[in-house]
Amino acid sequence: MYAAIEAARRGRKVILADRSLIGRGGATVMAQMTVAVGLEEDGLDDPAHHYADTLAAGRGLCDPAIARLLCEEGPARIREMDAWGVGWARENGAFKRAFAPGHDRPRCVYVDFLNTGPAVSKTLRTQLNRIPEIRRVGDLLVTALALRDGACVGATALHLSSGQPVSIAAGATIAATGGLTRMYRRNSASANMMGDGYALALAAGAELIDMEFVQFFPIGHLAPRLVGMDPIMWDPFRYKLGGRLLNGRREEFIDQYGSKDEGRYIVTRDVATYAILKEVEAGRGSPHGGAYLSFEHCSEAELRGAGGPVIDRLAENGIDLTRQAVEVAPIAHYHMGGVRVDAAMATRVPGLYAAGEAVGGANGANRLSGNAITEALVFGRVAGEAAAAHAARNAARADGAAFAAETERLRQGRGAVDFNPAAMVEQLQSTMQDDVGPFRTEAGLRRALEALRALRAELVAVKPAAGRAYDTMLADWHDLETMTRVGECVAAAALARTESRGAHQREDFPGMDEAWRVNQVLTLEGGALRIARRGVPQ
């Protein structure tokens, strides 16, 4: 949405295409937490401090130009959102700011009572509705980018309601498709987060980077049963109240894993994930296989001050935080890797740009808490500006030939197919969770690659043909095609990286290896993946 707004401000007409309702799918609308930004207004912070913490969290693999852009432009985007009425929480006229993991000071702004993501989405939707140059089209599943003379000139999509192929010609194209965490059995993702943008860009000739780094949110809700609430809702409570992480013996344990927590939740997500799973592995987990998160030291007044109406929703689920601890465990939450871009969000394919979580390189081996919405706003604005400039410079547009091959591919297939996409998705998610999850081994990764490639080969024989309205089988088939390809990228990169760094933990190669202070870049050549090592930009 931010990319569309910026491109329109630069005088371009924009089509904003999405498979769901505009501004109501993807990750942002689900985010309940905080937004990292180095605000200088009180002299206690600035973008340089935010940048230093981002680099530290990235374990030596961040692209400094992109990470610096994220931190330096963040304050302007937060203030613009404030002017648009997002409703950042304030105290005595100043932005309220909370501590978050990996930050050296309170830095993260928020909209109170777990409402940050919905408020950001609503604010951007309101701005979109005021701009006639932006045409919003939902119900489109993009299946391929259109190329002409090596440049991206639009995309081909499947219109889900009619089952018909749709050609979209464009002077420039931005992939703002989010991450891949739906590929895991335990995930915090919306239903359309399976790595579409990565697969589309890779097939069009773009490079992917850092695909092995999948961030697991350490305190995803595990038990008791929680209905109608986000499983990653506990972070803001920890920020505000200092919830205690305890093992099954009710002992605090983070300090045994090389970091200090001290009730403030300042340990980074990769360390917390490692610590919890190691406690479970050692037989010291909570009854459902995680750790306890306890707010029993807090009064009801303190809890209501931090959570407001959320406390009542917890009560409806039978949870009283003054009397009981909840169980939490790591859950797939974010992907540090993605499409390789420069500081203008441009890929190596002319006319193709990326924004948000689709971008790789900014976060290195581990994303700093709170950076996700910041990068969505910052990278969206920069991509919109650069794409608009490219479209203005290049008069060439797509002709029918650019869309013909993909349109024909969509129409080909079997009229009636007999396959169970739900079972295949479950098989893929189990493979990724068990063998490409927080802890990895050579044997597990090779097993995952074999399973993913076998699943991909199985798909070829059961492809449905386009043409039927509301054909969920065809949509599921395309999702599986995407997930098997992207899963292969993650597993292959993880197998190649023979060390442990950030969110990538190899049980057979513990510890960081300075020789691996490199980015891995993936390309598709003749249908086969190729992985090359590149020195981290300076």
Protein backbone atom coordinates (compact mmCIF):
# COMPACT_ATOMS: atom_id res chain seq x y z
CA MET A 1 0.00 0.00 0.00
CA TYR A 2 2.82 2.44 0.80
CA ALA A 3 4.50 1.66 -2.53
CA ALA A 4 1.25 2.35 -4.39
CA ILE A 5 0.73 5.63 -2.54
CA GLU A 6 4.26 6.80 -3.31
CA ALA A 7 4.11 5.82 -6.99
CA ALA A 8 0.83 7.71 -7.33
CA ARG A 9 2.35 10.74 -5.61
CA ARG A 10 5.04 10.60 -8.31
CA GLY A 11 2.40 10.93 -11.01
CA ARG A 12 1.92 7.32 -12.05
CA LYS A 13 -1.23 5.26 -12.42
CA VAL A 14 -1.06 2.17 -10.24
CA ILE A 15 -2.74 -1.23 -10.16
CA LEU A 16 -2.58 -2.72 -6.67
CA ALA A 17 -3.22 -6.45 -7.16
CA ASP A 18 -3.82 -8.89 -4.31
CA ARG A 19 -5.33 -12.33 -3.96
CA SER A 20 -7.23 -11.19 -0.86
CA LEU A 21 -8.98 -7.96 0.13
CA ILE A 22 -6.61 -5.00 -0.21
CA GLY A 23 -5.06 -4.18 3.16
CA ARG A 24 -6.74 -7.09 4.94
CA GLY A 25 -4.47 -9.97 3.91
CA GLY A 26 -0.80 -10.57 4.57
CA ALA A 27 1.13 -9.92 7.76
CA THR A 28 0.71 -6.26 8.69
CA VAL A 29 -2.96 -6.42 9.59
CA MET A 30 -2.13 -9.28 11.98
CA ALA A 31 0.74 -7.52 13.74
CA GLN A 32 -0.12 -6.60 17.31
CA MET A 33 3.21 -5.39 18.50
CA THR A 34 5.70 -2.59 18.08
CA VAL A 35 7.51 -0.56 15.42
CA ALA A 36 11.22 0.17 15.85
CA VAL A 37 12.32 3.73 15.07
CA GLY A 38 15.23 5.88 16.27
CA LEU A 39 13.38 9.11 17.08
CA GLU A 40 15.60 12.04 18.00
CA GLU A 41 12.97 14.30 19.53
CA ASP A 42 14.10 13.96 23.15
CA GLY A 43 17.82 13.46 22.58
CA LEU A 44 17.73 9.91 23.93
CA ASP A 45 17.88 8.08 20.61
CA ASP A 46 18.73 8.51 16.95
CA PRO A 47 18.90 6.37 13.79
CA ALA A 48 22.59 5.61 14.36
CA HIS A 49 21.80 3.70 17.55
CA HIS A 50 18.98 1.83 15.80
CA TYR A 51 21.34 0.98 12.93
CA ALA A 52 23.99 -0.38 15.33
CA ASP A 53 21.43 -2.67 16.99
CA THR A 54 20.14 -3.85 13.59
CA LEU A 55 23.67 -4.80 12.52
CA ALA A 56 24.37 -6.55 15.82
CA ALA A 57 21.18 -8.60 15.55
CA GLY A 58 22.07 -9.54 11.95
CA ARG A 59 25.25 -11.31 13.08
CA GLY A 60 27.49 -9.75 10.46
CA LEU A 61 25.36 -10.44 7.37
CA CYS A 62 23.28 -7.25 6.94
CA ASP A 63 23.64 -5.24 3.75
CA PRO A 64 24.68 -1.94 5.40
CA ALA A 65 23.16 0.30 2.71
CA ILE A 66 19.72 -1.29 3.02
CA ALA A 67 19.87 -1.53 6.83
CA ARG A 68 20.93 2.13 7.04
CA LEU A 69 18.06 3.14 4.77
CA LEU A 70 15.64 1.31 7.05
CA CYS A 71 16.90 3.11 10.15
CA GLU A 72 17.50 6.57 8.72
CA GLU A 73 14.18 6.90 6.91
CA GLY A 74 12.14 5.22 9.63
CA PRO A 75 11.45 8.41 11.65
CA ALA A 76 10.01 10.24 8.62
CA ARG A 77 7.65 7.37 7.85
CA ILE A 78 6.47 7.11 11.47
CA ARG A 79 5.77 10.85 11.58
CA GLU A 80 3.93 10.70 8.27
CA MET A 81 1.78 7.86 9.59
CA ASP A 82 1.18 9.97 12.69
CA ALA A 83 0.00 12.89 10.53
CA TRP A 84 -2.36 10.49 8.78
CA GLY A 85 -3.93 9.61 12.12
CA VAL A 86 -2.57 6.15 12.91
CA GLY A 87 -2.77 6.86 16.64
CA TRP A 88 0.66 6.07 18.09
CA ALA A 89 0.42 5.85 21.87
CA ARG A 90 1.58 9.04 23.59
CA GLU A 91 2.41 10.24 27.07
CA ASN A 92 2.64 13.95 27.89
CA GLY A 93 2.54 14.65 24.16
CA ALA A 94 5.56 12.45 23.34
CA PHE A 95 5.55 9.05 21.65
CA LYS A 96 5.49 6.17 24.12
CA ARG A 97 8.37 3.83 23.43
CA ALA A 98 8.92 0.31 24.70
CA PHE A 99 11.94 -1.94 25.13
CA ALA A 100 12.11 -4.85 22.70
CA PRO A 101 14.56 -7.73 22.26
CA GLY A 102 17.97 -6.70 20.97
CA HIS A 103 17.51 -2.93 21.50
CA ASP A 104 19.80 -0.98 23.79
CA ARG A 105 17.05 1.45 24.86
CA PRO A 106 13.26 1.93 24.65
CA ARG A 107 12.75 2.56 20.94
CA CYS A 108 9.56 0.91 19.73
CA VAL A 109 6.37 2.89 19.15
CA TYR A 110 2.97 1.23 19.11
CA VAL A 111 -0.78 1.69 18.97
CA ASP A 112 -2.04 0.62 22.35
CA PHE A 113 -3.79 -2.63 23.34
CA LEU A 114 -2.32 -4.88 20.63
CA ASN A 115 -3.72 -2.76 17.81
CA THR A 116 -0.61 -1.66 15.92
CA GLY A 117 -1.00 -3.73 12.75
CA PRO A 118 -4.73 -3.17 12.28
CA ALA A 119 -4.26 0.58 12.84
CA VAL A 120 -1.40 0.78 10.31
CA SER A 121 -3.44 -1.14 7.72
CA LYS A 122 -6.57 0.95 8.28
CA THR A 123 -4.59 4.20 7.99
CA LEU A 124 -3.02 3.14 4.69
CA ARG A 125 -6.36 1.91 3.31
CA THR A 126 -7.82 5.32 4.12
CA GLN A 127 -5.04 7.02 2.16
CA LEU A 128 -5.51 4.65 -0.80
CA ASN A 129 -9.20 5.45 -0.97
CA ARG A 130 -8.36 9.13 -1.48
CA ILE A 131 -6.14 8.53 -4.54
CA PRO A 132 -8.05 7.95 -7.80
CA GLU A 133 -4.84 6.99 -9.64
CA ILE A 134 -4.68 3.74 -7.64
CA ARG A 135 -6.88 0.94 -8.92
CA ARG A 136 -7.34 -1.81 -6.35
CA VAL A 137 -7.99 -5.32 -7.69
CA GLY A 138 -8.44 -8.30 -5.38
CA ASP A 139 -8.98 -11.98 -6.09
CA LEU A 140 -5.88 -12.16 -8.31
CA LEU A 141 -3.35 -14.95 -7.78
CA VAL A 142 -0.24 -13.86 -9.67
CA THR A 143 1.42 -16.91 -11.23
CA ALA A 144 4.25 -15.41 -13.33
CA LEU A 145 6.00 -12.15 -14.11
CA ALA A 146 5.90 -11.07 -17.77
CA LEU A 147 9.23 -10.45 -19.51
CA ARG A 148 10.16 -8.66 -22.71
CA ASP A 149 13.80 -8.44 -23.79
CA GLY A 150 14.84 -9.42 -20.28
CA ALA A 151 12.83 -6.69 -18.55
CA CYS A 152 9.75 -7.11 -16.37
CA VAL A 153 6.72 -5.60 -18.10
CA GLY A 154 3.90 -6.83 -15.87
CA ALA A 155 2.43 -10.09 -14.64
CA THR A 156 0.01 -12.89 -15.44
CA ALA A 157 -2.56 -13.79 -12.82
CA LEU A 158 -5.39 -16.19 -12.23
CA HIS A 159 -8.70 -14.48 -11.47
CA LEU A 160 -9.97 -16.76 -8.72
CA SER A 161 -13.65 -15.86 -9.05
CA SER A 162 -13.86 -16.67 -12.76
CA GLY A 163 -10.95 -19.07 -13.17
CA GLN A 164 -9.66 -17.04 -16.14
CA PRO A 165 -6.10 -15.86 -16.82
CA VAL A 166 -5.55 -12.10 -16.55
CA SER A 167 -2.72 -10.12 -18.17
CA ILE A 168 -1.44 -7.00 -16.35
CA ALA A 169 0.86 -4.74 -18.39
CA ALA A 170 2.99 -2.30 -16.38
CA GLY A 171 5.93 0.04 -16.84
CA ALA A 172 7.36 -1.29 -13.56
CA THR A 173 6.38 -4.02 -11.13
CA ILE A 174 6.86 -4.24 -7.35
CA ALA A 175 6.72 -7.56 -5.48
CA ALA A 176 5.37 -6.78 -2.00
CA THR A 177 4.18 -10.27 -1.19
CA GLY A 178 5.50 -10.85 2.33
CA GLY A 179 7.30 -13.93 3.60
CA LEU A 180 7.09 -17.71 3.61
CA THR A 181 6.18 -18.83 7.12
CA ARG A 182 2.96 -20.60 6.13
CA MET A 183 5.30 -23.38 4.99
CA TYR A 184 5.76 -24.40 8.64
CA ARG A 185 3.37 -26.46 10.75
CA ARG A 186 3.50 -23.97 13.65
CA ASN A 187 3.33 -20.48 12.17
CA SER A 188 1.93 -17.01 12.82
CA ALA A 189 1.23 -16.34 9.15
CA SER A 190 -1.88 -15.44 7.25
CA ALA A 191 -3.00 -17.99 4.68
CA ASN A 192 -1.21 -16.33 1.74
CA MET A 193 2.32 -16.18 3.17
CA MET A 194 3.99 -19.00 1.26
CA GLY A 195 6.78 -17.14 -0.53
CA ASP A 196 5.02 -16.12 -3.78
CA GLY A 197 7.29 -13.16 -4.42
CA TYR A 198 10.44 -15.21 -4.00
CA ALA A 199 9.29 -17.84 -6.49
CA LEU A 200 8.05 -15.25 -9.00
CA ALA A 201 11.24 -13.19 -8.87
CA LEU A 202 13.49 -16.25 -9.05
CA ALA A 203 11.69 -17.58 -12.14
CA ALA A 204 11.97 -14.14 -13.79
CA GLY A 205 15.75 -14.10 -13.38
CA ALA A 206 16.19 -12.20 -10.11
CA GLU A 207 18.50 -13.34 -7.32
CA LEU A 208 17.49 -14.48 -3.86
CA ILE A 209 19.68 -13.94 -0.80
CA ASP A 210 19.97 -15.37 2.74
CA MET A 211 17.17 -17.88 2.20
CA GLU A 212 18.34 -20.14 5.04
CA PHE A 213 17.40 -17.62 7.75
CA VAL A 214 13.87 -18.22 9.04
CA GLN A 215 13.04 -16.45 12.31
CA PHE A 216 11.08 -18.35 14.91
CA PHE A 217 9.18 -16.14 17.35
CA PRO A 218 10.19 -17.68 20.69
CA ILE A 219 7.02 -17.18 22.72
CA GLY A 220 4.17 -18.19 20.42
CA HIS A 221 1.16 -19.29 22.46
CA LEU A 222 1.03 -23.02 23.13
CA ALA A 223 -1.44 -23.69 25.98
CA PRO A 224 -4.11 -23.41 27.32
CA ARG A 225 -6.35 -23.16 24.27
CA LEU A 226 -6.64 -19.60 22.93
CA VAL A 227 -9.47 -18.83 20.50
CA GLY A 228 -9.72 -15.71 18.34
CA MET A 229 -6.40 -14.20 19.41
CA ASP A 230 -3.00 -13.96 17.75
CA PRO A 231 -0.55 -16.63 19.00
CA ILE A 232 2.27 -14.06 19.13
CA MET A 233 0.33 -11.64 21.34
CA TRP A 234 2.56 -12.05 24.42
CA ASP A 235 5.44 -9.82 23.34
CA PRO A 236 3.85 -6.48 24.31
CA PHE A 237 2.96 -7.84 27.73
CA ARG A 238 6.58 -8.82 28.27
CA TYR A 239 7.77 -5.41 27.09
CA LYS A 240 5.52 -3.61 29.52
CA LEU A 241 5.44 -5.97 32.49
CA GLY A 242 8.60 -8.03 32.41
CA GLY A 243 7.01 -11.47 32.14
CA ARG A 244 9.22 -14.29 33.41
CA LEU A 245 10.28 -17.18 31.18
CA LEU A 246 10.43 -20.37 33.24
CA ASN A 247 11.19 -23.97 32.41
CA GLY A 248 9.08 -26.92 33.55
CA ARG A 249 10.71 -26.73 36.98
CA ARG A 250 9.59 -23.08 37.23
CA GLU A 251 13.21 -21.90 36.96
CA GLU A 252 14.44 -18.95 34.89
CA PHE A 253 16.95 -20.25 32.35
CA ILE A 254 17.91 -17.68 29.69
CA ASP A 255 21.12 -16.72 31.50
CA GLN A 256 22.40 -20.28 31.00
CA TYR A 257 22.56 -19.67 27.25
CA GLY A 258 24.98 -16.77 27.06
CA SER A 259 22.55 -13.88 27.51
CA LYS A 260 20.76 -11.95 30.24
CA ASP A 261 16.98 -11.58 30.33
CA GLU A 262 16.40 -10.16 33.83
CA GLY A 263 12.65 -9.96 33.34
CA ARG A 264 12.92 -7.23 30.68
CA TYR A 265 12.83 -9.47 27.60
CA ILE A 266 15.89 -7.92 26.03
CA VAL A 267 17.38 -11.16 24.65
CA THR A 268 17.17 -11.51 20.86
CA ARG A 269 14.73 -13.95 19.28
CA ASP A 270 17.29 -16.44 18.00
CA VAL A 271 18.82 -16.85 21.48
CA ALA A 272 15.41 -17.17 23.17
CA THR A 273 14.29 -19.77 20.60
CA TYR A 274 17.47 -21.76 21.14
CA ALA A 275 17.17 -21.62 24.93
CA ILE A 276 13.53 -22.75 25.05
CA LEU A 277 14.03 -25.67 22.67
CA LYS A 278 17.17 -26.78 24.48
CA GLU A 279 15.30 -26.81 27.79
CA VAL A 280 12.60 -28.97 26.20
CA GLU A 281 15.24 -31.26 24.70
CA ALA A 282 16.82 -31.67 28.13
CA GLY A 283 13.49 -32.75 29.64
CA ARG A 284 12.89 -29.45 31.40
CA GLY A 285 10.02 -28.22 29.22
CA SER A 286 6.48 -27.37 30.22
CA PRO A 287 3.76 -30.07 29.91
CA HIS A 288 2.91 -29.26 26.26
CA GLY A 289 6.52 -29.03 25.09
CA GLY A 290 7.49 -25.38 25.61
CA ALA A 291 8.23 -23.02 28.48
CA TYR A 292 6.11 -21.12 30.96
CA LEU A 293 5.54 -17.38 30.59
CA SER A 294 4.47 -15.99 33.95
CA PHE A 295 2.87 -12.69 34.90
CA GLU A 296 1.80 -13.96 38.30
CA HIS A 297 3.95 -11.30 39.94
CA CYS A 298 1.70 -8.60 38.41
CA SER A 299 -1.48 -7.20 39.92
CA GLU A 300 -4.73 -7.11 37.97
CA ALA A 301 -4.42 -3.33 37.79
CA GLU A 302 -0.98 -3.62 36.18
CA LEU A 303 -2.27 -6.20 33.72
CA ARG A 304 -5.25 -4.05 32.75
CA GLY A 305 -2.99 -1.04 32.34
CA ALA A 306 -0.86 -3.00 29.87
CA GLY A 307 -3.59 -4.92 28.09
CA GLY A 308 -6.87 -3.06 28.59
CA PRO A 309 -9.70 -4.96 26.88
CA VAL A 310 -7.34 -7.81 26.01
CA ILE A 311 -7.61 -8.97 29.64
CA ASP A 312 -11.34 -9.52 29.17
CA ARG A 313 -10.74 -11.50 25.99
CA LEU A 314 -8.26 -13.69 27.87
CA ALA A 315 -10.85 -14.21 30.60
CA GLU A 316 -13.31 -15.43 27.96
CA ASN A 317 -10.68 -18.06 27.14
CA GLY A 318 -10.45 -19.02 30.82
CA ILE A 319 -7.03 -17.41 31.33
CA ASP A 320 -6.33 -15.39 34.50
CA LEU A 321 -2.73 -14.17 34.34
CA THR A 322 -2.66 -13.29 38.05
CA ARG A 323 -3.19 -16.97 38.90
CA GLN A 324 -1.58 -18.98 36.12
CA ALA A 325 1.32 -19.03 33.72
CA VAL A 326 0.73 -19.74 30.04
CA GLU A 327 2.83 -22.09 27.96
CA VAL A 328 4.74 -20.72 24.98
CA ALA A 329 7.02 -22.20 22.32
CA PRO A 330 8.82 -21.04 19.15
CA ILE A 331 6.64 -20.48 16.10
CA ALA A 332 7.69 -19.61 12.51
CA HIS A 333 7.22 -15.86 12.27
CA TYR A 334 9.42 -14.05 9.75
CA HIS A 335 11.93 -14.62 6.97
CA MET A 336 15.17 -12.63 6.85
CA GLY A 337 16.03 -13.71 3.31
CA GLY A 338 14.31 -12.73 0.10
CA VAL A 339 14.79 -10.97 -3.20
CA ARG A 340 18.21 -9.38 -3.61
CA VAL A 341 17.87 -5.64 -4.27
CA ASP A 342 19.92 -2.47 -4.16
CA ALA A 343 19.16 0.59 -2.04
CA ALA A 344 16.49 1.64 -4.58
CA MET A 345 14.74 -1.72 -4.07
CA ALA A 346 15.66 -2.68 -7.66
CA THR A 347 16.43 -6.28 -8.59
CA ARG A 348 18.84 -7.25 -11.37
CA VAL A 349 15.80 -7.63 -13.67
CA PRO A 350 15.04 -4.19 -15.16
CA GLY A 351 11.59 -2.99 -14.16
CA LEU A 352 11.28 -5.37 -11.19
CA TYR A 353 11.39 -4.07 -7.60
CA ALA A 354 10.62 -5.52 -4.18
CA ALA A 355 9.42 -4.13 -0.85
CA GLY A 356 8.78 -5.22 2.72
CA GLU A 357 9.47 -8.78 3.84
CA ALA A 358 9.93 -9.82 0.20
CA VAL A 359 13.30 -8.00 0.38
CA GLY A 360 16.38 -9.87 1.59
CA GLY A 361 19.61 -8.42 2.96
CA ALA A 362 18.48 -5.81 5.47
CA ASN A 363 18.29 -8.12 8.46
CA GLY A 364 21.14 -10.56 7.89
CA ALA A 365 20.93 -13.70 10.01
CA ASN A 366 18.33 -12.39 12.48
CA ARG A 367 15.80 -9.55 12.36
CA LEU A 368 15.80 -7.02 15.16
CA SER A 369 12.41 -6.94 16.90
CA GLY A 370 10.15 -4.16 15.61
CA ASN A 371 11.89 -3.71 12.24
CA ALA A 372 9.21 -5.46 10.16
CA ILE A 373 6.58 -2.72 9.88
CA THR A 374 9.31 -0.09 9.64
CA GLU A 375 10.78 -1.83 6.60
CA ALA A 376 7.32 -2.25 5.06
CA LEU A 377 6.79 1.52 5.21
CA VAL A 378 10.34 2.56 4.28
CA PHE A 379 10.98 -0.01 1.55
CA GLY A 380 7.47 0.49 0.20
CA ARG A 381 8.03 4.23 -0.21
CA VAL A 382 11.47 3.78 -1.81
CA ALA A 383 10.23 1.06 -4.18
CA GLY A 384 7.25 3.21 -5.19
CA GLU A 385 9.52 6.16 -5.96
CA ALA A 386 12.06 4.09 -7.94
CA ALA A 387 9.41 2.13 -9.86
CA ALA A 388 7.61 5.34 -10.82
CA ALA A 389 10.87 6.83 -12.12
CA HIS A 390 11.61 3.68 -14.13
CA ALA A 391 8.14 3.67 -15.67
CA ALA A 392 8.51 7.33 -16.63
CA ARG A 393 11.86 6.67 -18.33
CA ASN A 394 10.82 3.56 -20.23
CA ALA A 395 8.03 3.82 -22.76
CA ALA A 396 8.17 0.12 -23.71
CA ARG A 397 5.14 -1.87 -22.67
CA ALA A 398 4.22 -5.52 -22.87
CA ASP A 399 2.60 -7.01 -25.95
CA GLY A 400 0.58 -10.19 -26.08
CA ALA A 401 3.68 -12.32 -26.57
CA ALA A 402 4.90 -11.46 -23.06
CA PHE A 403 1.85 -13.16 -21.54
CA ALA A 404 1.20 -15.95 -24.05
CA ALA A 405 3.33 -18.71 -22.54
CA GLU A 406 1.97 -18.35 -19.00
CA THR A 407 -1.61 -17.96 -20.22
CA GLU A 408 -1.23 -21.20 -22.16
CA ARG A 409 0.35 -22.93 -19.15
CA LEU A 410 -2.60 -21.92 -16.98
CA ARG A 411 -5.07 -23.32 -19.49
CA GLN A 412 -3.22 -26.61 -19.79
CA GLY A 413 -3.87 -29.44 -17.39
CA ARG A 414 -6.40 -32.05 -16.51
CA GLY A 415 -10.09 -31.25 -16.46
CA ALA A 416 -10.73 -33.42 -13.41
CA VAL A 417 -7.95 -34.19 -10.97
CA ASP A 418 -7.80 -36.55 -8.04
CA PHE A 419 -5.38 -35.23 -5.46
CA ASN A 420 -5.65 -34.05 -1.89
CA PRO A 421 -4.01 -30.62 -1.63
CA ALA A 422 -4.69 -30.36 2.11
CA ALA A 423 -2.76 -33.58 2.74
CA MET A 424 0.08 -32.40 0.52
CA VAL A 425 0.29 -29.05 2.34
CA GLU A 426 0.36 -30.90 5.66
CA GLN A 427 3.15 -33.12 4.35
CA LEU A 428 5.16 -30.10 3.20
CA GLN A 429 4.65 -28.23 6.48
CA SER A 430 5.73 -31.27 8.49
CA THR A 431 8.85 -31.65 6.34
CA MET A 432 9.79 -28.01 6.85
CA GLN A 433 9.01 -28.03 10.59
CA ASP A 434 10.83 -31.26 11.37
CA ASP A 435 13.87 -31.00 9.09
CA VAL A 436 14.24 -27.30 8.18
CA GLY A 437 13.09 -25.82 11.49
CA PRO A 438 15.03 -24.09 14.28
CA PHE A 439 17.60 -26.94 14.53
CA ARG A 440 19.05 -28.53 11.43
CA THR A 441 21.35 -31.39 10.48
CA GLU A 442 22.82 -32.58 7.19
CA ALA A 443 20.72 -35.75 7.28
CA GLY A 444 17.50 -33.84 7.96
CA LEU A 445 18.14 -31.24 5.28
CA ARG A 446 18.93 -33.89 2.67
CA ARG A 447 15.76 -35.71 3.69
CA ALA A 448 13.79 -32.47 3.29
CA LEU A 449 15.21 -31.77 -0.16
CA GLU A 450 14.35 -35.27 -1.31
CA ALA A 451 10.79 -34.95 0.01
CA LEU A 452 10.24 -31.49 -1.49
CA ARG A 453 11.52 -32.54 -4.91
CA ALA A 454 9.37 -35.67 -4.86
CA LEU A 455 6.33 -33.59 -3.95
CA ARG A 456 7.09 -31.17 -6.78
CA ALA A 457 7.37 -34.04 -9.26
CA GLU A 458 4.05 -35.43 -8.01
CA LEU A 459 2.38 -32.07 -8.69
CA VAL A 460 3.24 -32.15 -12.39
CA ALA A 461 0.93 -35.10 -12.97
CA VAL A 462 -2.11 -33.59 -11.25
CA LYS A 463 -2.20 -30.00 -12.51
CA PRO A 464 -5.79 -28.74 -12.99
CA ALA A 465 -6.58 -26.59 -16.03
CA ALA A 466 -7.77 -23.00 -15.54
CA GLY A 467 -11.29 -22.06 -16.56
CA ARG A 468 -13.57 -23.04 -13.72
CA ALA A 469 -14.90 -20.38 -11.35
CA TYR A 470 -13.82 -20.61 -7.70
CA ASP A 471 -11.50 -23.51 -8.44
CA THR A 472 -9.81 -23.93 -5.07
CA MET A 473 -7.99 -27.02 -6.34
CA LEU A 474 -6.15 -24.92 -8.92
CA ALA A 475 -5.27 -22.23 -6.38
CA ASP A 476 -4.00 -24.86 -3.95
CA TRP A 477 -1.97 -26.46 -6.75
CA HIS A 478 -0.23 -23.17 -7.47
CA ASP A 479 0.41 -22.60 -3.76
CA LEU A 480 2.04 -26.03 -3.52
CA GLU A 481 4.12 -25.35 -6.63
CA THR A 482 5.37 -22.16 -4.98
CA MET A 483 6.01 -23.73 -1.59
CA THR A 484 7.96 -26.68 -2.95
CA ARG A 485 10.24 -24.36 -4.93
CA VAL A 486 10.75 -21.90 -2.05
CA GLY A 487 11.15 -24.71 0.47
CA GLU A 488 13.89 -26.13 -1.73
CA CYS A 489 15.63 -22.72 -1.67
CA VAL A 490 15.56 -22.61 2.13
CA ALA A 491 16.71 -26.21 2.60
CA ALA A 492 19.46 -26.03 -0.03
CA ALA A 493 20.90 -22.82 1.42
CA ALA A 494 20.70 -24.27 4.94
CA LEU A 495 22.53 -27.41 3.81
CA ALA A 496 25.28 -25.36 2.20
CA ARG A 497 25.88 -23.16 5.28
CA THR A 498 27.98 -25.38 7.55
CA GLU A 499 27.89 -23.22 10.66
CA SER A 500 25.34 -21.86 13.15
CA ARG A 501 24.54 -18.14 12.90
CA GLY A 502 21.48 -16.22 14.05
CA ALA A 503 18.28 -18.01 13.14
CA HIS A 504 20.18 -20.75 11.27
CA GLN A 505 21.30 -23.39 13.80
CA ARG A 506 23.13 -26.51 12.61
CA GLU A 507 23.31 -29.17 15.32
CA ASP A 508 26.23 -30.74 13.44
CA PHE A 509 28.06 -27.41 13.05
CA PRO A 510 27.58 -25.47 16.33
CA GLY A 511 29.00 -21.98 16.61
CA MET A 512 29.74 -19.25 14.08
CA ASP A 513 32.57 -19.66 11.61
CA GLU A 514 34.21 -16.44 10.37
CA ALA A 515 34.80 -18.09 7.00
CA TRP A 516 31.00 -18.11 6.62
CA ARG A 517 30.62 -14.36 7.04
CA VAL A 518 29.20 -14.34 3.51
CA ASN A 519 25.78 -14.05 1.91
CA GLN A 520 24.47 -16.92 -0.16
CA VAL A 521 22.87 -15.88 -3.44
CA LEU A 522 20.49 -18.20 -5.26
CA THR A 523 19.64 -18.16 -8.96
CA LEU A 524 17.68 -20.44 -11.27
CA GLU A 525 19.61 -21.73 -14.27
CA GLY A 526 17.95 -24.18 -16.64
CA GLY A 527 15.40 -25.03 -14.00
CA ALA A 528 18.07 -25.92 -11.41
CA LEU A 529 19.03 -23.93 -8.33
CA ARG A 530 22.52 -22.47 -8.14
CA ILE A 531 24.07 -21.14 -4.93
CA ALA A 532 27.01 -18.73 -4.89
CA ARG A 533 28.84 -17.14 -1.95
CA ARG A 534 29.22 -13.37 -2.00
CA GLY A 535 31.16 -11.20 0.42
CA VAL A 536 28.96 -9.06 2.65
CA PRO A 537 28.83 -5.49 1.25
CA GLN A 538 30.85 -2.97 3.24
